[in-house]
């Protein structure tokens, strides 16, 4: 089965959900070492719940033994659906594929690296009972590298209501999932988009553990891309800051020039004009380069959107008997 992530996402989003009350969507790429423990712990959590649930594993083009392990789990557990993507599309595209295949009234997303423990899922569901549309986790005592913590700090600077958009342990109502799937943006930062499309959003503190197996798939370059996705996709503030910086620089240069003319700056008479010129030129050049780069990011994303390439391609879907226990 080959399914494009663009051509029929809207059609799928419009279909009524008919399935178990809960879907747990887990995107993964080359996580063969964490899969057995992840499934064991998640199954133990779901066993404590009175209502049926489904588990949707999205294999994001793994090249290790992940697909073989997931296939064995899917065959042994009728609650498990295995979605194989045709190529590595990235975490957020894999989550979209999981949204599309899932059928639960509430959809919980969970990373496969076990840094967000599956045992924290009931906290999200308990908060959802209060009528919230989206409930996210706030990672306590983050066990991440400096680069990831820096990105989280940047997001917090520009976020008004949310404090941890980087946490993928989140719960969404089906109505919000439908809205996200209808959204045609190329560069999706799903937690931020879902919060924007929801009426009531909340967060709860959740545990965060060190990564036990392998290493993070987010290099510094991918983290930068993710940061740009969030900044350029959900805020005009960067451009406004650059414009404000330009105004401040112009005013500063004008004041500095007046100070030179009035003799208030102690420099040699023959070097004063040259010194002032170079300072002003370097400042203005820096501001111009930053502004050009930022505008280029927006233009580049418009270009990607115009090309309409699929965000992901589903190669196969293996589904068990919905809503039953193994």
Protein backbone atom coordinates (compact mmCIF):
# COMPACT_ATOMS: atom_id res chain seq x y z
CA UNK A 1 0.00 0.00 0.00
CA UNK A 2 1.43 3.37 -1.05
CA UNK A 3 -0.28 6.45 0.33
CA UNK A 4 0.87 10.03 -0.13
CA UNK A 5 0.95 12.40 2.80
CA UNK A 6 -0.53 15.26 0.74
CA UNK A 7 -3.04 14.00 -1.79
CA UNK A 8 -5.59 12.47 0.56
CA UNK A 9 -4.78 13.77 4.03
CA UNK A 10 -7.83 16.04 3.89
CA UNK A 11 -10.09 13.16 2.91
CA UNK A 12 -8.86 11.05 5.82
CA UNK A 13 -9.20 13.97 8.20
CA UNK A 14 -12.89 14.28 7.28
CA UNK A 15 -13.72 10.65 8.02
CA UNK A 16 -15.49 10.00 11.34
CA UNK A 17 -13.33 8.26 13.91
CA UNK A 18 -14.67 4.78 14.78
CA UNK A 19 -12.29 3.01 17.04
CA UNK A 20 -11.05 2.60 20.61
CA UNK A 21 -11.15 5.52 23.04
CA UNK A 22 -7.35 5.84 23.05
CA UNK A 23 -4.62 5.70 20.43
CA UNK A 24 -0.93 5.85 21.32
CA UNK A 25 1.15 7.01 18.34
CA UNK A 26 4.88 6.25 18.49
CA UNK A 27 7.19 7.46 15.67
CA UNK A 28 10.58 5.78 15.59
CA UNK A 29 13.73 5.51 13.54
CA UNK A 30 16.41 2.88 14.25
CA UNK A 31 15.30 2.15 17.80
CA UNK A 32 15.83 -1.64 17.84
CA UNK A 33 17.39 -1.57 21.31
CA UNK A 34 14.59 0.35 22.99
CA UNK A 35 11.58 -1.31 21.29
CA UNK A 36 11.27 -4.40 23.56
CA UNK A 37 11.31 -2.41 26.79
CA UNK A 38 9.12 0.32 25.31
CA UNK A 39 6.45 -2.18 24.32
CA UNK A 40 6.66 -4.04 27.64
CA UNK A 41 6.23 -0.89 29.71
CA UNK A 42 3.52 0.57 27.49
CA UNK A 43 1.55 -2.70 27.51
CA UNK A 44 1.75 -2.72 31.31
CA UNK A 45 0.33 0.81 31.44
CA UNK A 46 -2.52 0.00 29.05
CA UNK A 47 -3.33 -3.13 31.06
CA UNK A 48 -4.27 -0.93 34.02
CA UNK A 49 -6.89 0.94 31.97
CA UNK A 50 -10.50 -0.15 31.81
CA UNK A 51 -11.09 1.10 28.26
CA UNK A 52 -9.53 -0.47 25.15
CA UNK A 53 -6.69 1.21 23.31
CA UNK A 54 -4.62 0.84 20.17
CA UNK A 55 -0.88 1.30 19.67
CA UNK A 56 0.27 2.81 16.37
CA UNK A 57 3.96 2.34 15.67
CA UNK A 58 5.22 4.47 12.77
CA UNK A 59 8.45 3.06 11.39
CA UNK A 60 10.11 6.11 9.83
CA UNK A 61 12.29 4.26 7.30
CA UNK A 62 14.44 2.41 9.85
CA UNK A 63 17.48 0.57 8.49
CA UNK A 64 18.19 -1.62 11.54
CA UNK A 65 16.08 -4.46 12.97
CA UNK A 66 13.26 -2.16 14.10
CA UNK A 67 10.80 -3.29 11.43
CA UNK A 68 11.35 -6.98 12.20
CA UNK A 69 10.79 -6.42 15.92
CA UNK A 70 7.70 -4.31 15.31
CA UNK A 71 6.30 -6.88 12.89
CA UNK A 72 6.64 -9.59 15.55
CA UNK A 73 4.90 -7.37 18.12
CA UNK A 74 2.09 -6.54 15.70
CA UNK A 75 1.46 -10.21 14.96
CA UNK A 76 1.28 -11.08 18.67
CA UNK A 77 -0.83 -8.14 19.85
CA UNK A 78 -4.14 -7.32 18.09
CA UNK A 79 -4.07 -3.79 19.54
CA UNK A 80 -0.96 -2.90 17.52
CA UNK A 81 -0.96 -1.20 14.13
CA UNK A 82 2.34 -0.98 12.26
CA UNK A 83 2.80 1.80 9.72
CA UNK A 84 5.90 1.63 7.53
CA UNK A 85 6.97 4.81 5.74
CA UNK A 86 8.69 4.49 2.38
CA UNK A 87 11.62 6.67 3.48
CA UNK A 88 12.86 8.60 6.49
CA UNK A 89 10.50 11.60 6.53
CA UNK A 90 11.33 12.97 9.98
CA UNK A 91 9.65 12.84 13.37
CA UNK A 92 6.83 15.30 12.77
CA UNK A 93 5.90 13.78 9.40
CA UNK A 94 5.83 10.36 11.07
CA UNK A 95 3.51 11.73 13.74
CA UNK A 96 1.21 13.04 11.00
CA UNK A 97 1.14 9.56 9.44
CA UNK A 98 0.26 8.13 12.84
CA UNK A 99 -2.51 10.72 13.27
CA UNK A 100 -3.89 9.73 9.93
CA UNK A 101 -4.02 6.01 10.70
CA UNK A 102 -5.11 6.29 14.34
CA UNK A 103 -8.79 5.97 15.28
CA UNK A 104 -8.95 6.85 18.97
CA UNK A 105 -11.06 9.62 20.45
CA UNK A 106 -7.89 10.74 22.24
CA UNK A 107 -4.48 10.42 20.59
CA UNK A 108 -1.33 10.36 22.71
CA UNK A 109 2.08 10.84 21.09
CA UNK A 110 5.13 9.22 22.66
CA UNK A 111 8.80 9.09 21.68
CA UNK A 112 10.39 5.66 21.36
CA UNK A 113 13.61 6.49 23.21
CA UNK A 114 11.97 6.11 26.65
CA UNK A 115 13.10 9.52 27.84
CA UNK A 116 9.42 10.26 28.36
CA UNK A 117 8.22 7.25 30.40
CA UNK A 118 5.01 5.55 29.19
CA UNK A 119 3.98 5.44 32.84
CA UNK A 120 3.23 9.19 32.60
CA UNK A 121 0.40 8.72 30.08
CA UNK A 122 -2.33 8.44 32.78
CA UNK A 123 -1.40 11.96 33.97
CA UNK A 124 -2.30 13.36 30.56
CA UNK A 125 -5.54 11.39 30.36
CA UNK A 126 -6.60 12.53 33.82
CA UNK A 127 -6.12 16.15 32.79
CA UNK A 128 -8.06 15.54 29.56
CA UNK A 129 -11.07 14.55 31.68
CA UNK A 130 -11.28 18.17 32.80
CA UNK A 131 -12.37 19.12 29.27
CA UNK A 132 -9.07 20.19 27.73
CA UNK A 133 -8.49 19.71 24.00
CA UNK A 134 -4.70 19.36 24.22
CA UNK A 135 -2.58 18.38 27.20
CA UNK A 136 1.20 18.52 26.97
CA UNK A 137 3.95 17.38 29.27
CA UNK A 138 6.42 19.68 31.00
CA UNK A 139 9.67 17.74 31.36
CA UNK A 140 11.02 17.82 34.90
CA UNK A 141 14.81 17.66 35.33
CA UNK A 142 15.55 17.44 31.61
CA UNK A 143 18.20 14.89 30.68
CA UNK A 144 19.11 16.37 27.29
CA UNK A 145 22.21 17.75 25.63
CA UNK A 146 22.96 21.47 25.79
CA UNK A 147 21.78 22.08 22.22
CA UNK A 148 18.32 20.66 22.85
CA UNK A 149 17.95 22.58 26.10
CA UNK A 150 18.98 25.77 24.29
CA UNK A 151 16.29 25.22 21.67
CA UNK A 152 13.74 24.66 24.43
CA UNK A 153 14.81 27.90 26.07
CA UNK A 154 14.39 29.75 22.75
CA UNK A 155 10.87 28.39 22.33
CA UNK A 156 9.99 29.46 25.87
CA UNK A 157 11.18 32.99 25.11
CA UNK A 158 8.73 33.33 22.22
CA UNK A 159 5.87 31.30 23.74
CA UNK A 160 3.15 33.12 25.63
CA UNK A 161 1.19 30.25 27.21
CA UNK A 162 3.16 27.05 26.59
CA UNK A 163 6.44 26.27 28.28
CA UNK A 164 7.61 22.98 26.73
CA UNK A 165 6.64 22.57 23.09
CA UNK A 166 9.63 20.24 22.67
CA UNK A 167 8.01 17.50 24.75
CA UNK A 168 6.38 14.94 22.45
CA UNK A 169 4.46 13.29 25.29
CA UNK A 170 1.15 14.98 24.54
CA UNK A 171 -2.55 14.12 24.30
CA UNK A 172 -4.93 15.44 21.61
CA UNK A 173 -8.66 15.12 21.11
CA UNK A 174 -9.78 13.73 17.76
CA UNK A 175 -11.24 17.11 16.76
CA UNK A 176 -7.78 18.71 17.10
CA UNK A 177 -6.14 15.84 15.19
CA UNK A 178 -8.58 16.44 12.33
CA UNK A 179 -7.69 20.13 12.28
CA UNK A 180 -3.98 19.38 12.19
CA UNK A 181 -4.44 16.96 9.29
CA UNK A 182 -6.41 19.55 7.32
CA UNK A 183 -3.58 22.04 7.71
CA UNK A 184 -1.56 22.08 4.48
CA UNK A 185 1.65 23.66 5.76
CA UNK A 186 4.90 22.06 4.62
CA UNK A 187 6.92 22.75 7.77
CA UNK A 188 4.79 21.59 10.68
CA UNK A 189 5.69 21.99 14.33
CA UNK A 190 2.83 19.82 15.55
CA UNK A 191 2.71 20.75 19.27
CA UNK A 192 2.58 24.47 18.47
CA UNK A 193 0.09 24.02 15.62
CA UNK A 194 -2.24 21.87 17.72
CA UNK A 195 -2.13 24.41 20.55
CA UNK A 196 -3.02 27.14 18.08
CA UNK A 197 -5.96 25.13 16.72
CA UNK A 198 -7.33 24.11 20.14
CA UNK A 199 -9.60 26.07 22.45
CA UNK A 200 -8.43 24.70 25.80
CA UNK A 201 -4.78 23.75 26.29
CA UNK A 202 -3.05 22.62 29.47
CA UNK A 203 0.25 21.13 30.61
CA UNK A 204 1.18 18.73 33.38
CA UNK A 205 4.63 17.95 34.82
CA UNK A 206 6.08 14.64 33.59
CA UNK A 207 9.27 12.75 34.34
CA UNK A 208 12.21 12.86 31.95
CA UNK A 209 14.83 10.11 31.93
CA UNK A 210 18.30 9.86 30.36
CA UNK A 211 18.44 8.14 27.00
CA UNK A 212 19.48 4.55 27.68
CA UNK A 213 19.92 3.19 24.17
CA UNK A 214 21.71 4.74 21.20
CA UNK A 215 21.84 8.47 20.67
CA UNK A 216 19.48 11.21 19.65
CA UNK A 217 18.68 11.49 15.93
CA UNK A 218 18.56 15.28 16.25
CA UNK A 219 21.90 16.73 15.18
CA UNK A 220 22.58 20.42 15.70
CA UNK A 221 21.58 21.04 12.08
CA UNK A 222 18.23 19.28 12.54
CA UNK A 223 17.66 21.17 15.77
CA UNK A 224 18.29 24.43 13.94
CA UNK A 225 15.82 23.42 11.22
CA UNK A 226 13.24 22.55 13.85
CA UNK A 227 13.80 25.91 15.51
CA UNK A 228 13.33 27.72 12.20
CA UNK A 229 10.16 25.67 11.56
CA UNK A 230 8.73 26.97 14.81
CA UNK A 231 9.92 30.56 14.43
CA UNK A 232 8.94 31.06 10.80
CA UNK A 233 5.77 28.99 11.06
CA UNK A 234 4.18 30.52 14.12
CA UNK A 235 5.59 33.96 14.73
CA UNK A 236 6.30 37.20 12.93
CA UNK A 237 8.27 38.39 15.94
CA UNK A 238 11.74 37.63 14.44
CA UNK A 239 11.13 39.97 11.50
CA UNK A 240 9.68 42.58 13.83
CA UNK A 241 12.77 42.32 16.07
CA UNK A 242 15.05 42.79 13.06
CA UNK A 243 13.04 45.83 11.99
CA UNK A 244 13.25 47.26 15.49
CA UNK A 245 16.99 46.58 15.59
CA UNK A 246 17.35 48.44 12.31
CA UNK A 247 15.50 51.46 13.71
CA UNK A 248 17.59 51.42 16.88
CA UNK A 249 20.79 51.16 14.82
CA UNK A 250 19.79 54.11 12.65
CA UNK A 251 18.96 56.21 15.68
CA UNK A 252 22.19 55.13 17.38
CA UNK A 253 24.23 56.01 14.31
CA UNK A 254 22.55 59.41 14.09
CA UNK A 255 23.25 60.13 17.77
CA UNK A 256 26.83 58.93 17.43
CA UNK A 257 27.34 61.19 14.42
CA UNK A 258 26.02 64.18 16.33
CA UNK A 259 28.38 63.33 19.20
CA UNK A 260 31.33 63.26 16.81
CA UNK A 261 30.36 66.60 15.33
CA UNK A 262 30.02 68.10 18.79
CA UNK A 263 33.42 66.78 19.82
CA UNK A 264 32.03 64.66 22.65
CA UNK A 265 33.89 61.50 21.50
CA UNK A 266 37.65 61.54 22.46
CA UNK A 267 39.40 60.43 19.24
CA UNK A 268 42.23 61.88 17.19
CA UNK A 269 40.92 64.42 14.70
CA UNK A 270 42.38 62.62 11.69
CA UNK A 271 40.97 59.22 12.67
CA UNK A 272 37.59 60.26 13.95
CA UNK A 273 35.65 60.22 10.67
CA UNK A 274 37.19 56.91 9.54
CA UNK A 275 36.56 55.28 12.92
CA UNK A 276 32.94 56.39 12.98
CA UNK A 277 32.35 55.31 9.39
CA UNK A 278 33.65 51.79 9.92
CA UNK A 279 31.68 51.29 13.14
CA UNK A 280 28.44 52.38 11.51
CA UNK A 281 29.09 50.35 8.35
CA UNK A 282 29.82 47.14 10.25
CA UNK A 283 26.72 47.50 12.40
CA UNK A 284 24.49 48.19 9.42
CA UNK A 285 26.05 45.37 7.42
CA UNK A 286 25.42 42.92 10.26
CA UNK A 287 21.80 43.97 10.58
CA UNK A 288 21.32 43.71 6.81
CA UNK A 289 22.79 40.20 6.67
CA UNK A 290 20.60 38.98 9.51
CA UNK A 291 17.53 40.51 7.87
CA UNK A 292 18.36 38.98 4.48
CA UNK A 293 18.89 35.56 6.04
CA UNK A 294 15.61 35.69 7.92
CA UNK A 295 13.63 36.85 4.90
CA UNK A 296 15.35 34.08 2.93
CA UNK A 297 13.99 31.52 5.40
CA UNK A 298 10.45 32.72 4.81
CA UNK A 299 10.90 32.78 1.03
CA UNK A 300 12.46 29.32 1.06
CA UNK A 301 9.51 27.89 2.97
CA UNK A 302 7.10 29.51 0.52
CA UNK A 303 9.03 27.77 -2.28
CA UNK A 304 8.75 24.40 -0.53
CA UNK A 305 5.03 24.94 -0.06
CA UNK A 306 4.50 25.80 -3.74
CA UNK A 307 6.20 22.57 -4.87
CA UNK A 308 3.64 20.53 -2.88
CA UNK A 309 5.91 17.53 -2.36
CA UNK A 310 4.44 14.94 0.03
CA UNK A 311 5.57 15.20 3.64
CA UNK A 312 5.56 11.42 3.91
CA UNK A 313 4.57 8.31 1.94
CA UNK A 314 2.99 5.33 3.70
CA UNK A 315 4.32 2.11 2.21
CA UNK A 316 2.26 -0.36 4.25
CA UNK A 317 -0.21 -0.58 7.12
CA UNK A 318 -0.63 -3.74 9.20
CA UNK A 319 -3.54 -3.48 11.58
CA UNK A 320 -4.75 -5.88 14.28
CA UNK A 321 -8.27 -6.35 15.62
CA UNK A 322 -9.21 -2.93 16.90
CA UNK A 323 -9.74 -2.34 20.58
CA UNK A 324 -9.06 -5.87 21.89
CA UNK A 325 -6.54 -7.09 24.39
CA UNK A 326 -3.80 -9.66 23.63
